Amino acid sequence: MRTLPDLLDETDPALPLLRGWAEQAADGSAALRPPVDPLRAETLVALQVTSRSVLGAVAYETGGVTAADGLVRLFGSGPDRSLLGVARTVGCPLDGDRPDIIVVGDDALGGLFALNGGRFGPSEPGGVFHLPADDTVWIPLGSGYADFVHWCLTGDLAELYGPLAEFDAFAARPRPGFDETYAFYPFLWTQEARDQRPTVSVISAEESLRVRLELFGFAVD
């Protein structure tokens, strides 16, 4: 296993690239949250990626990244939610081996994003999959992690959310905190939610994560 000095790239780190993407975000709606020690070192070593990679930069240099005023939250090494903490919740701890899945982010509506290490099959290794807040299966986004982060920070996220972009909660400000998410009842994936406007509350993001995975696991379309 490579040690922290082996993984820190001083000549071509990805942090300036990540900062540049954040600066391109419309209306200054992206932010890099500060990381905490020693969690960031533990995370980089557990992932076994270098700081030259975008995943390594997010893990080591940030406590998470928010896009679109906090609509999308990408996990790093923060005090509230982190790649390591979420991996333990999911039951796939990062321990230096190649994991078959890494949950890398979520959104304020209750959707989840994960990197495929084999859990979703062999067809898209390293690809990002999305469990939308209004669906019961994971959907491939057709991109790797770096392209996904770039799109989150600089692209039009309304394209991803489709009908969900019409919900009042999609446009509401301020967004739930980094460790919170909206909860809808009836659940957005049910016919009842299509027939009537759901009620909205704010709950713990970890509770939302547990519920989604308990109900649907990692089924793919």
Protein backbone atom coordinates (compact mmCIF):
# COMPACT_ATOMS: atom_id res chain seq x y z
CA MET A 1 0.00 0.00 0.00
CA ARG A 2 1.28 3.45 -0.91
CA THR A 3 1.85 5.91 1.92
CA LEU A 4 0.77 9.55 2.08
CA PRO A 5 4.06 10.96 0.68
CA ASP A 6 3.68 8.58 -2.28
CA LEU A 7 0.20 9.94 -3.02
CA LEU A 8 0.87 13.67 -2.71
CA ASP A 9 1.75 15.13 -6.11
CA GLU A 10 3.58 18.42 -5.66
CA THR A 11 4.32 18.97 -9.36
CA ASP A 12 0.88 18.63 -10.96
CA PRO A 13 -1.87 18.57 -8.31
CA ALA A 14 -5.50 18.71 -9.40
CA LEU A 15 -6.48 21.37 -6.85
CA PRO A 16 -5.88 24.36 -9.19
CA LEU A 17 -8.04 22.65 -11.82
CA LEU A 18 -10.79 22.06 -9.25
CA ARG A 19 -10.62 25.68 -8.09
CA GLY A 20 -10.82 26.87 -11.68
CA TRP A 21 -13.98 24.88 -12.28
CA ALA A 22 -15.53 26.25 -9.09
CA GLU A 23 -14.73 29.81 -10.21
CA GLN A 24 -16.56 29.14 -13.50
CA ALA A 25 -19.78 28.25 -11.69
CA ALA A 26 -22.65 30.61 -12.43
CA ASP A 27 -23.20 33.35 -9.84
CA GLY A 28 -20.48 32.00 -7.56
CA SER A 29 -22.74 29.11 -6.61
CA ALA A 30 -19.95 26.56 -5.94
CA ALA A 31 -17.76 26.22 -2.88
CA LEU A 32 -14.84 24.10 -1.69
CA ARG A 33 -15.29 23.33 2.00
CA PRO A 34 -12.16 23.15 4.19
CA PRO A 35 -10.80 19.68 5.05
CA VAL A 36 -9.85 18.48 8.52
CA ASP A 37 -6.74 16.69 9.75
CA PRO A 38 -5.93 13.86 10.10
CA LEU A 39 -9.05 12.74 8.21
CA ARG A 40 -7.86 14.02 4.85
CA ALA A 41 -4.62 12.03 5.04
CA GLU A 42 -6.49 8.92 6.15
CA THR A 43 -8.92 9.32 3.26
CA LEU A 44 -6.27 9.70 0.56
CA VAL A 45 -4.40 6.65 1.84
CA ALA A 46 -7.62 4.64 2.05
CA LEU A 47 -8.51 5.55 -1.53
CA GLN A 48 -4.98 4.91 -2.84
CA VAL A 49 -5.30 7.68 -5.42
CA THR A 50 -2.92 10.59 -5.85
CA SER A 51 -3.65 14.28 -5.40
CA ARG A 52 -3.05 14.62 -9.14
CA SER A 53 -6.47 13.04 -9.68
CA VAL A 54 -9.68 15.01 -9.19
CA LEU A 55 -10.92 12.39 -6.72
CA GLY A 56 -7.68 12.74 -4.77
CA ALA A 57 -7.96 16.53 -4.77
CA VAL A 58 -11.55 16.46 -3.50
CA ALA A 59 -10.64 13.88 -0.85
CA TYR A 60 -7.45 15.54 0.42
CA GLU A 61 -7.86 19.24 -0.28
CA THR A 62 -11.55 19.74 0.54
CA GLY A 63 -14.08 18.93 3.21
CA GLY A 64 -16.55 18.50 0.36
CA VAL A 65 -17.65 20.46 -2.68
CA THR A 66 -21.03 22.10 -3.17
CA ALA A 67 -22.50 23.00 -6.55
CA ALA A 68 -25.54 25.04 -7.55
CA ASP A 69 -25.86 26.70 -4.14
CA GLY A 70 -25.70 23.34 -2.38
CA LEU A 71 -27.99 21.33 -4.64
CA VAL A 72 -25.21 18.79 -5.26
CA ARG A 73 -22.78 17.87 -2.47
CA LEU A 74 -19.60 15.93 -3.21
CA PHE A 75 -17.94 14.28 -0.22
CA GLY A 76 -14.37 15.00 0.82
CA SER A 77 -12.78 15.02 4.27
CA GLY A 78 -15.08 17.29 6.25
CA PRO A 79 -16.10 17.19 9.91
CA ASP A 80 -19.79 16.56 9.24
CA ARG A 81 -19.89 14.18 6.26
CA SER A 82 -16.95 12.53 4.52
CA LEU A 83 -16.05 9.85 2.01
CA LEU A 84 -14.83 7.60 4.84
CA GLY A 85 -17.89 8.15 7.01
CA VAL A 86 -20.37 7.55 4.22
CA ALA A 87 -18.48 4.42 3.15
CA ARG A 88 -18.91 3.01 6.65
CA THR A 89 -22.62 3.83 6.58
CA VAL A 90 -22.99 2.10 3.23
CA GLY A 91 -21.17 -0.97 4.54
CA CYS A 92 -18.31 -0.72 2.04
CA PRO A 93 -15.48 0.79 4.13
CA LEU A 94 -12.45 2.19 2.34
CA ASP A 95 -9.44 0.25 3.59
CA GLY A 96 -6.87 0.51 0.82
CA ASP A 97 -8.32 -2.32 -1.27
CA ARG A 98 -10.19 -1.60 -4.48
CA PRO A 99 -13.83 -1.08 -3.38
CA ASP A 100 -16.66 -2.28 -5.59
CA ILE A 101 -18.55 0.95 -4.95
CA ILE A 102 -17.84 4.41 -3.52
CA VAL A 103 -20.74 6.73 -2.73
CA VAL A 104 -19.17 10.06 -3.68
CA GLY A 105 -22.02 12.52 -3.26
CA ASP A 106 -25.68 13.28 -2.88
CA ASP A 107 -28.11 16.08 -3.57
CA ALA A 108 -30.47 18.17 -1.48
CA LEU A 109 -33.47 16.30 -2.91
CA GLY A 110 -32.31 12.91 -1.63
CA GLY A 111 -30.54 11.57 -4.72
CA LEU A 112 -27.20 9.73 -4.52
CA PHE A 113 -24.09 9.46 -6.70
CA ALA A 114 -21.63 6.54 -6.68
CA LEU A 115 -18.52 5.34 -8.49
CA ASN A 116 -18.73 1.86 -9.98
CA GLY A 117 -15.96 -0.47 -8.88
CA GLY A 118 -17.87 -3.54 -10.04
CA ARG A 119 -21.07 -3.41 -7.98
CA PHE A 120 -23.01 -2.14 -11.00
CA GLY A 121 -21.43 -4.67 -13.34
CA PRO A 122 -18.33 -4.68 -15.55
CA SER A 123 -19.61 -2.48 -18.38
CA GLU A 124 -18.73 0.93 -16.91
CA PRO A 125 -15.77 0.59 -14.52
CA GLY A 126 -15.08 3.90 -12.80
CA GLY A 127 -18.31 5.36 -14.13
CA VAL A 128 -20.63 7.53 -12.05
CA PHE A 129 -24.12 6.19 -11.34
CA HIS A 130 -27.08 8.21 -10.05
CA LEU A 131 -29.99 7.11 -7.86
CA PRO A 132 -32.44 9.97 -8.47
CA ALA A 133 -34.74 11.11 -5.71
CA ASP A 134 -37.75 10.03 -7.79
CA ASP A 135 -36.47 6.63 -8.95
CA THR A 136 -35.74 3.19 -7.51
CA VAL A 137 -32.77 2.15 -9.67
CA TRP A 138 -29.28 3.51 -10.28
CA ILE A 139 -28.71 5.07 -13.69
CA PRO A 140 -25.32 5.39 -15.42
CA LEU A 141 -24.42 8.98 -16.23
CA GLY A 142 -21.91 7.99 -18.91
CA SER A 143 -18.95 9.79 -17.36
CA GLY A 144 -16.07 9.22 -14.98
CA TYR A 145 -15.54 11.13 -11.77
CA ALA A 146 -13.51 14.06 -13.14
CA ASP A 147 -15.97 14.80 -15.96
CA PHE A 148 -18.85 14.46 -13.48
CA VAL A 149 -17.32 16.99 -11.08
CA HIS A 150 -16.60 19.39 -13.95
CA TRP A 151 -20.20 19.15 -15.15
CA CYS A 152 -21.61 19.62 -11.64
CA LEU A 153 -19.62 22.83 -11.24
CA THR A 154 -19.98 24.31 -14.72
CA GLY A 155 -22.93 22.60 -16.42
CA ASP A 156 -26.71 22.93 -16.42
CA LEU A 157 -27.92 20.65 -13.63
CA ALA A 158 -31.56 21.20 -14.65
CA GLU A 159 -30.85 18.75 -17.48
CA LEU A 160 -30.16 16.02 -14.92
CA TYR A 161 -33.16 16.70 -12.73
CA GLY A 162 -35.86 16.98 -15.40
CA PRO A 163 -39.33 17.15 -13.79
CA LEU A 164 -37.77 17.57 -10.33
CA ALA A 165 -36.58 21.01 -11.41
CA GLU A 166 -40.23 22.07 -11.37
CA PHE A 167 -40.57 21.42 -7.61
CA ASP A 168 -40.59 24.44 -5.33
CA ALA A 169 -37.88 22.73 -3.26
CA PHE A 170 -35.55 22.72 -6.29
CA ALA A 171 -35.56 26.51 -6.44
CA ALA A 172 -35.88 27.20 -2.71
CA ARG A 173 -33.05 29.03 -0.92
CA PRO A 174 -31.29 28.48 1.33
CA ARG A 175 -30.73 24.80 0.59
CA PRO A 176 -30.60 22.25 3.41
CA GLY A 177 -27.22 22.06 5.14
CA PHE A 178 -24.42 19.76 3.98
CA ASP A 179 -25.58 17.13 6.47
CA GLU A 180 -29.29 17.53 5.69
CA THR A 181 -31.63 16.78 2.82
CA TYR A 182 -35.24 17.23 1.84
CA ALA A 183 -37.70 14.42 2.52
CA PHE A 184 -40.90 14.14 0.51
CA TYR A 185 -44.13 12.39 1.41
CA PRO A 186 -45.55 10.59 -0.43
CA PHE A 187 -42.15 9.37 -1.66
CA LEU A 188 -41.28 10.85 -5.04
CA TRP A 189 -40.96 7.44 -6.73
CA THR A 190 -44.60 6.53 -5.96
CA GLN A 191 -47.71 7.08 -8.04
CA GLU A 192 -49.24 8.97 -5.12
CA ALA A 193 -46.53 11.64 -5.44
CA ARG A 194 -47.46 12.05 -9.09
CA ASP A 195 -51.13 12.43 -8.24
CA GLN A 196 -50.71 14.98 -5.46
CA ARG A 197 -48.13 17.52 -4.40
CA PRO A 198 -45.92 15.94 -1.69
CA THR A 199 -45.26 17.60 1.63
CA VAL A 200 -41.63 18.60 2.23
CA SER A 201 -39.50 18.42 5.37
CA VAL A 202 -35.78 18.50 6.16
CA ILE A 203 -34.12 15.41 7.67
CA SER A 204 -30.63 14.11 8.36
CA ALA A 205 -28.79 13.27 5.15
CA GLU A 206 -27.45 10.10 6.78
CA GLU A 207 -31.01 9.01 7.61
CA SER A 208 -32.00 9.64 3.99
CA LEU A 209 -29.01 7.61 2.77
CA ARG A 210 -29.87 4.68 5.03
CA VAL A 211 -33.52 4.67 3.95
CA ARG A 212 -32.73 4.79 0.23
CA LEU A 213 -30.23 1.94 0.45
CA GLU A 214 -32.43 -0.17 2.73
CA LEU A 215 -35.28 0.15 0.25
CA PHE A 216 -33.44 -0.17 -3.05
CA GLY A 217 -29.82 -1.19 -2.47
CA PHE A 218 -27.77 -0.94 -5.65
CA ALA A 219 -30.22 -2.19 -8.26
CA VAL A 220 -29.57 -0.93 -11.77
CA ASP A 221 -31.91 -0.39 -14.70
